[in-house]
Amino acid sequence: MNISISDLTAMKKRRYQPVDKKSLIDLRDVAVNQSLPVPEKTIEFIRQIGNPYLFRYGDKIVRISFVDSKTTFEDKIRGYFEML
């Protein structure tokens, strides 16, 4: 699965649109193989969650955003998986 910058940009924009909670993936159902290298963990996470900017945790909708900085989404997600 290849995720392009334009794919991520489109996903980012969707986080502000109205959404049916039932259509979102529950983060608790995502299981990433911890033995994979970070780039593959990232791909696997996005494959399972669908939109990393908009998902569900139980009955709560989670909308992710980042402060404007030079740090990219890829840097943020890589840092997250390196902490696991």
N, C-alpha and C. Protein backbone atom coordinates (compact mmCIF):
# COMPACT_ATOMS: atom_id res chain seq x y z
N MET A 1 0.84 -1.18 0.00
CA MET A 1 0.00 0.00 0.00
C MET A 1 0.88 1.23 0.00
N ASN A 2 0.72 2.06 -0.98
CA ASN A 2 1.47 3.31 -1.06
C ASN A 2 0.57 4.47 -0.70
N ILE A 3 0.99 5.27 0.25
CA ILE A 3 0.26 6.45 0.66
C ILE A 3 1.03 7.65 0.13
N SER A 4 0.37 8.44 -0.68
CA SER A 4 1.03 9.62 -1.23
C SER A 4 0.74 10.84 -0.35
N ILE A 5 1.49 11.88 -0.60
CA ILE A 5 1.27 13.14 0.10
C ILE A 5 -0.15 13.65 -0.18
N SER A 6 -0.61 13.49 -1.41
CA SER A 6 -1.96 13.95 -1.75
C SER A 6 -3.02 13.12 -1.01
N ASP A 7 -2.76 11.82 -0.81
CA ASP A 7 -3.67 10.97 -0.03
C ASP A 7 -3.76 11.48 1.41
N LEU A 8 -2.61 11.75 2.02
CA LEU A 8 -2.59 12.24 3.40
C LEU A 8 -3.26 13.61 3.51
N THR A 9 -3.05 14.46 2.51
CA THR A 9 -3.68 15.78 2.51
C THR A 9 -5.19 15.65 2.45
N ALA A 10 -5.68 14.75 1.61
CA ALA A 10 -7.13 14.53 1.51
C ALA A 10 -7.68 13.98 2.82
N MET A 11 -6.96 13.06 3.45
CA MET A 11 -7.40 12.51 4.74
C MET A 11 -7.44 13.61 5.80
N LYS A 12 -6.44 14.46 5.78
CA LYS A 12 -6.35 15.55 6.75
C LYS A 12 -7.55 16.48 6.62
N LYS A 13 -7.94 16.79 5.40
CA LYS A 13 -9.08 17.68 5.17
C LYS A 13 -10.39 17.04 5.64
N ARG A 14 -10.52 15.73 5.52
CA ARG A 14 -11.76 15.04 5.91
C ARG A 14 -12.01 15.07 7.41
N ARG A 15 -10.97 15.33 8.20
CA ARG A 15 -11.16 15.27 9.65
C ARG A 15 -12.13 16.34 10.15
N TYR A 16 -12.37 17.40 9.35
CA TYR A 16 -13.28 18.46 9.76
C TYR A 16 -14.68 18.29 9.20
N GLN A 17 -14.89 17.32 8.34
CA GLN A 17 -16.20 17.09 7.75
C GLN A 17 -17.06 16.28 8.69
N PRO A 18 -18.39 16.48 8.63
CA PRO A 18 -19.27 15.65 9.45
C PRO A 18 -19.07 14.18 9.10
N VAL A 19 -19.15 13.32 10.12
CA VAL A 19 -18.89 11.90 9.90
C VAL A 19 -19.81 11.07 10.78
N ASP A 20 -20.21 9.92 10.26
CA ASP A 20 -20.99 8.96 11.04
C ASP A 20 -20.01 8.16 11.88
N LYS A 21 -20.14 8.24 13.17
CA LYS A 21 -19.23 7.57 14.10
C LYS A 21 -19.09 6.08 13.78
N LYS A 22 -20.18 5.46 13.38
CA LYS A 22 -20.15 4.02 13.10
C LYS A 22 -19.30 3.67 11.89
N SER A 23 -19.02 4.65 11.03
CA SER A 23 -18.22 4.37 9.83
C SER A 23 -16.72 4.41 10.11
N LEU A 24 -16.34 4.85 11.31
CA LEU A 24 -14.92 4.98 11.64
C LEU A 24 -14.38 3.70 12.27
N ILE A 25 -13.09 3.47 12.06
CA ILE A 25 -12.39 2.33 12.66
C ILE A 25 -12.08 2.65 14.12
N ASP A 26 -12.31 1.70 15.00
CA ASP A 26 -11.99 1.86 16.41
C ASP A 26 -10.50 1.56 16.61
N LEU A 27 -9.79 2.51 17.16
CA LEU A 27 -8.35 2.36 17.39
C LEU A 27 -8.03 1.11 18.19
N ARG A 28 -8.93 0.71 19.08
CA ARG A 28 -8.69 -0.47 19.90
C ARG A 28 -8.67 -1.75 19.10
N ASP A 29 -9.19 -1.71 17.86
CA ASP A 29 -9.19 -2.88 16.99
C ASP A 29 -7.95 -2.96 16.10
N VAL A 30 -7.08 -1.97 16.18
CA VAL A 30 -5.86 -1.93 15.37
C VAL A 30 -4.74 -2.62 16.13
N ALA A 31 -4.09 -3.56 15.48
CA ALA A 31 -2.96 -4.27 16.08
C ALA A 31 -1.82 -4.29 15.08
N VAL A 32 -0.74 -3.61 15.41
CA VAL A 32 0.42 -3.52 14.52
C VAL A 32 1.52 -4.43 15.05
N ASN A 33 2.08 -5.22 14.17
CA ASN A 33 3.16 -6.13 14.51
C ASN A 33 4.38 -5.32 14.95
N GLN A 34 4.76 -5.44 16.22
CA GLN A 34 5.84 -4.64 16.78
C GLN A 34 7.23 -5.04 16.27
N SER A 35 7.33 -6.18 15.62
CA SER A 35 8.63 -6.60 15.11
C SER A 35 8.95 -5.97 13.75
N LEU A 36 7.98 -5.30 13.14
CA LEU A 36 8.21 -4.66 11.84
C LEU A 36 9.07 -3.41 12.00
N PRO A 37 9.82 -3.06 10.96
CA PRO A 37 10.55 -1.78 10.97
C PRO A 37 9.54 -0.63 10.99
N VAL A 38 9.96 0.53 11.48
CA VAL A 38 9.07 1.68 11.65
C VAL A 38 8.31 2.03 10.37
N PRO A 39 8.95 2.10 9.20
CA PRO A 39 8.18 2.44 7.99
C PRO A 39 7.04 1.45 7.72
N GLU A 40 7.30 0.17 7.95
CA GLU A 40 6.27 -0.84 7.73
C GLU A 40 5.18 -0.78 8.80
N LYS A 41 5.55 -0.43 10.04
CA LYS A 41 4.54 -0.24 11.09
C LYS A 41 3.60 0.89 10.70
N THR A 42 4.18 1.96 10.18
CA THR A 42 3.39 3.12 9.77
C THR A 42 2.39 2.73 8.69
N ILE A 43 2.86 2.03 7.69
CA ILE A 43 1.99 1.60 6.59
C ILE A 43 0.90 0.69 7.11
N GLU A 44 1.26 -0.23 7.98
CA GLU A 44 0.28 -1.17 8.53
C GLU A 44 -0.77 -0.44 9.37
N PHE A 45 -0.33 0.54 10.17
CA PHE A 45 -1.25 1.32 10.97
C PHE A 45 -2.25 2.06 10.08
N ILE A 46 -1.75 2.75 9.06
CA ILE A 46 -2.64 3.51 8.17
C ILE A 46 -3.55 2.56 7.41
N ARG A 47 -3.06 1.40 6.99
CA ARG A 47 -3.89 0.43 6.29
C ARG A 47 -5.07 0.01 7.17
N GLN A 48 -4.79 -0.21 8.44
CA GLN A 48 -5.85 -0.68 9.34
C GLN A 48 -6.79 0.43 9.80
N ILE A 49 -6.25 1.59 10.12
CA ILE A 49 -7.07 2.67 10.67
C ILE A 49 -7.83 3.43 9.58
N GLY A 50 -7.31 3.38 8.34
CA GLY A 50 -7.97 4.08 7.24
C GLY A 50 -7.51 5.52 7.15
N ASN A 51 -7.93 6.34 8.08
CA ASN A 51 -7.55 7.75 8.10
C ASN A 51 -6.89 8.03 9.45
N PRO A 52 -5.58 8.28 9.46
CA PRO A 52 -4.89 8.50 10.73
C PRO A 52 -5.28 9.81 11.40
N TYR A 53 -5.98 10.68 10.70
CA TYR A 53 -6.43 11.94 11.26
C TYR A 53 -7.83 11.87 11.85
N LEU A 54 -8.56 10.80 11.56
CA LEU A 54 -9.95 10.70 11.98
C LEU A 54 -10.31 9.23 12.22
N PHE A 55 -10.56 8.89 13.46
CA PHE A 55 -10.91 7.52 13.80
C PHE A 55 -11.74 7.54 15.08
N ARG A 56 -12.03 6.40 15.60
CA ARG A 56 -12.88 6.28 16.78
C ARG A 56 -12.11 5.57 17.89
N TYR A 57 -12.41 5.93 19.12
CA TYR A 57 -11.94 5.20 20.29
C TYR A 57 -13.17 4.95 21.14
N GLY A 58 -13.69 3.72 21.06
CA GLY A 58 -14.96 3.43 21.73
C GLY A 58 -16.07 4.23 21.08
N ASP A 59 -16.78 5.02 21.87
CA ASP A 59 -17.86 5.82 21.29
C ASP A 59 -17.45 7.27 21.04
N LYS A 60 -16.16 7.54 21.13
CA LYS A 60 -15.63 8.90 20.91
C LYS A 60 -14.97 9.03 19.55
N ILE A 61 -15.23 10.12 18.86
CA ILE A 61 -14.55 10.43 17.60
C ILE A 61 -13.25 11.15 17.94
N VAL A 62 -12.16 10.71 17.33
CA VAL A 62 -10.85 11.31 17.55
C VAL A 62 -10.43 12.00 16.26
N ARG A 63 -10.15 13.30 16.37
CA ARG A 63 -9.70 14.09 15.22
C ARG A 63 -8.29 14.61 15.57
N ILE A 64 -7.31 14.21 14.78
CA ILE A 64 -5.91 14.52 15.04
C ILE A 64 -5.47 15.73 14.21
N SER A 65 -4.73 16.61 14.86
CA SER A 65 -4.10 17.71 14.13
C SER A 65 -2.76 17.99 14.79
N PHE A 66 -1.90 18.65 14.06
CA PHE A 66 -0.56 18.98 14.55
C PHE A 66 -0.33 20.47 14.43
N VAL A 67 0.48 21.00 15.31
CA VAL A 67 0.87 22.39 15.25
C VAL A 67 1.72 22.59 14.01
N ASP A 68 1.55 23.75 13.36
CA ASP A 68 2.40 24.05 12.21
C ASP A 68 3.85 24.07 12.64
N SER A 69 4.64 23.23 12.02
CA SER A 69 6.06 23.17 12.32
C SER A 69 6.76 22.52 11.13
N LYS A 70 8.04 22.39 11.24
CA LYS A 70 8.80 21.73 10.18
C LYS A 70 8.73 20.22 10.30
N THR A 71 8.16 19.73 11.39
CA THR A 71 8.03 18.30 11.60
C THR A 71 6.86 17.78 10.77
N THR A 72 7.10 16.76 9.97
CA THR A 72 6.07 16.21 9.11
C THR A 72 5.24 15.16 9.84
N PHE A 73 4.11 14.80 9.25
CA PHE A 73 3.28 13.73 9.79
C PHE A 73 4.10 12.46 9.90
N GLU A 74 4.89 12.19 8.87
CA GLU A 74 5.72 10.98 8.87
C GLU A 74 6.68 11.00 10.06
N ASP A 75 7.26 12.16 10.36
CA ASP A 75 8.15 12.28 11.52
C ASP A 75 7.40 12.00 12.82
N LYS A 76 6.20 12.55 12.92
CA LYS A 76 5.39 12.36 14.13
C LYS A 76 5.02 10.89 14.32
N ILE A 77 4.53 10.26 13.26
CA ILE A 77 4.10 8.87 13.37
C ILE A 77 5.30 7.96 13.60
N ARG A 78 6.44 8.26 12.98
CA ARG A 78 7.65 7.48 13.20
C ARG A 78 8.07 7.58 14.67
N GLY A 79 8.03 8.79 15.22
CA GLY A 79 8.37 8.98 16.62
C GLY A 79 7.45 8.20 17.55
N TYR A 80 6.17 8.17 17.20
CA TYR A 80 5.19 7.40 17.98
C TYR A 80 5.56 5.92 18.00
N PHE A 81 5.84 5.36 16.81
CA PHE A 81 6.14 3.93 16.75
C PHE A 81 7.50 3.59 17.33
N GLU A 82 8.43 4.51 17.32
CA GLU A 82 9.72 4.26 17.93
C GLU A 82 9.61 4.18 19.46
N MET A 83 8.58 4.82 20.02
CA MET A 83 8.36 4.78 21.46
C MET A 83 7.73 3.47 21.91
N LEU A 84 7.11 2.72 21.00
CA LEU A 84 6.44 1.48 21.39
C LEU A 84 7.41 0.36 21.70
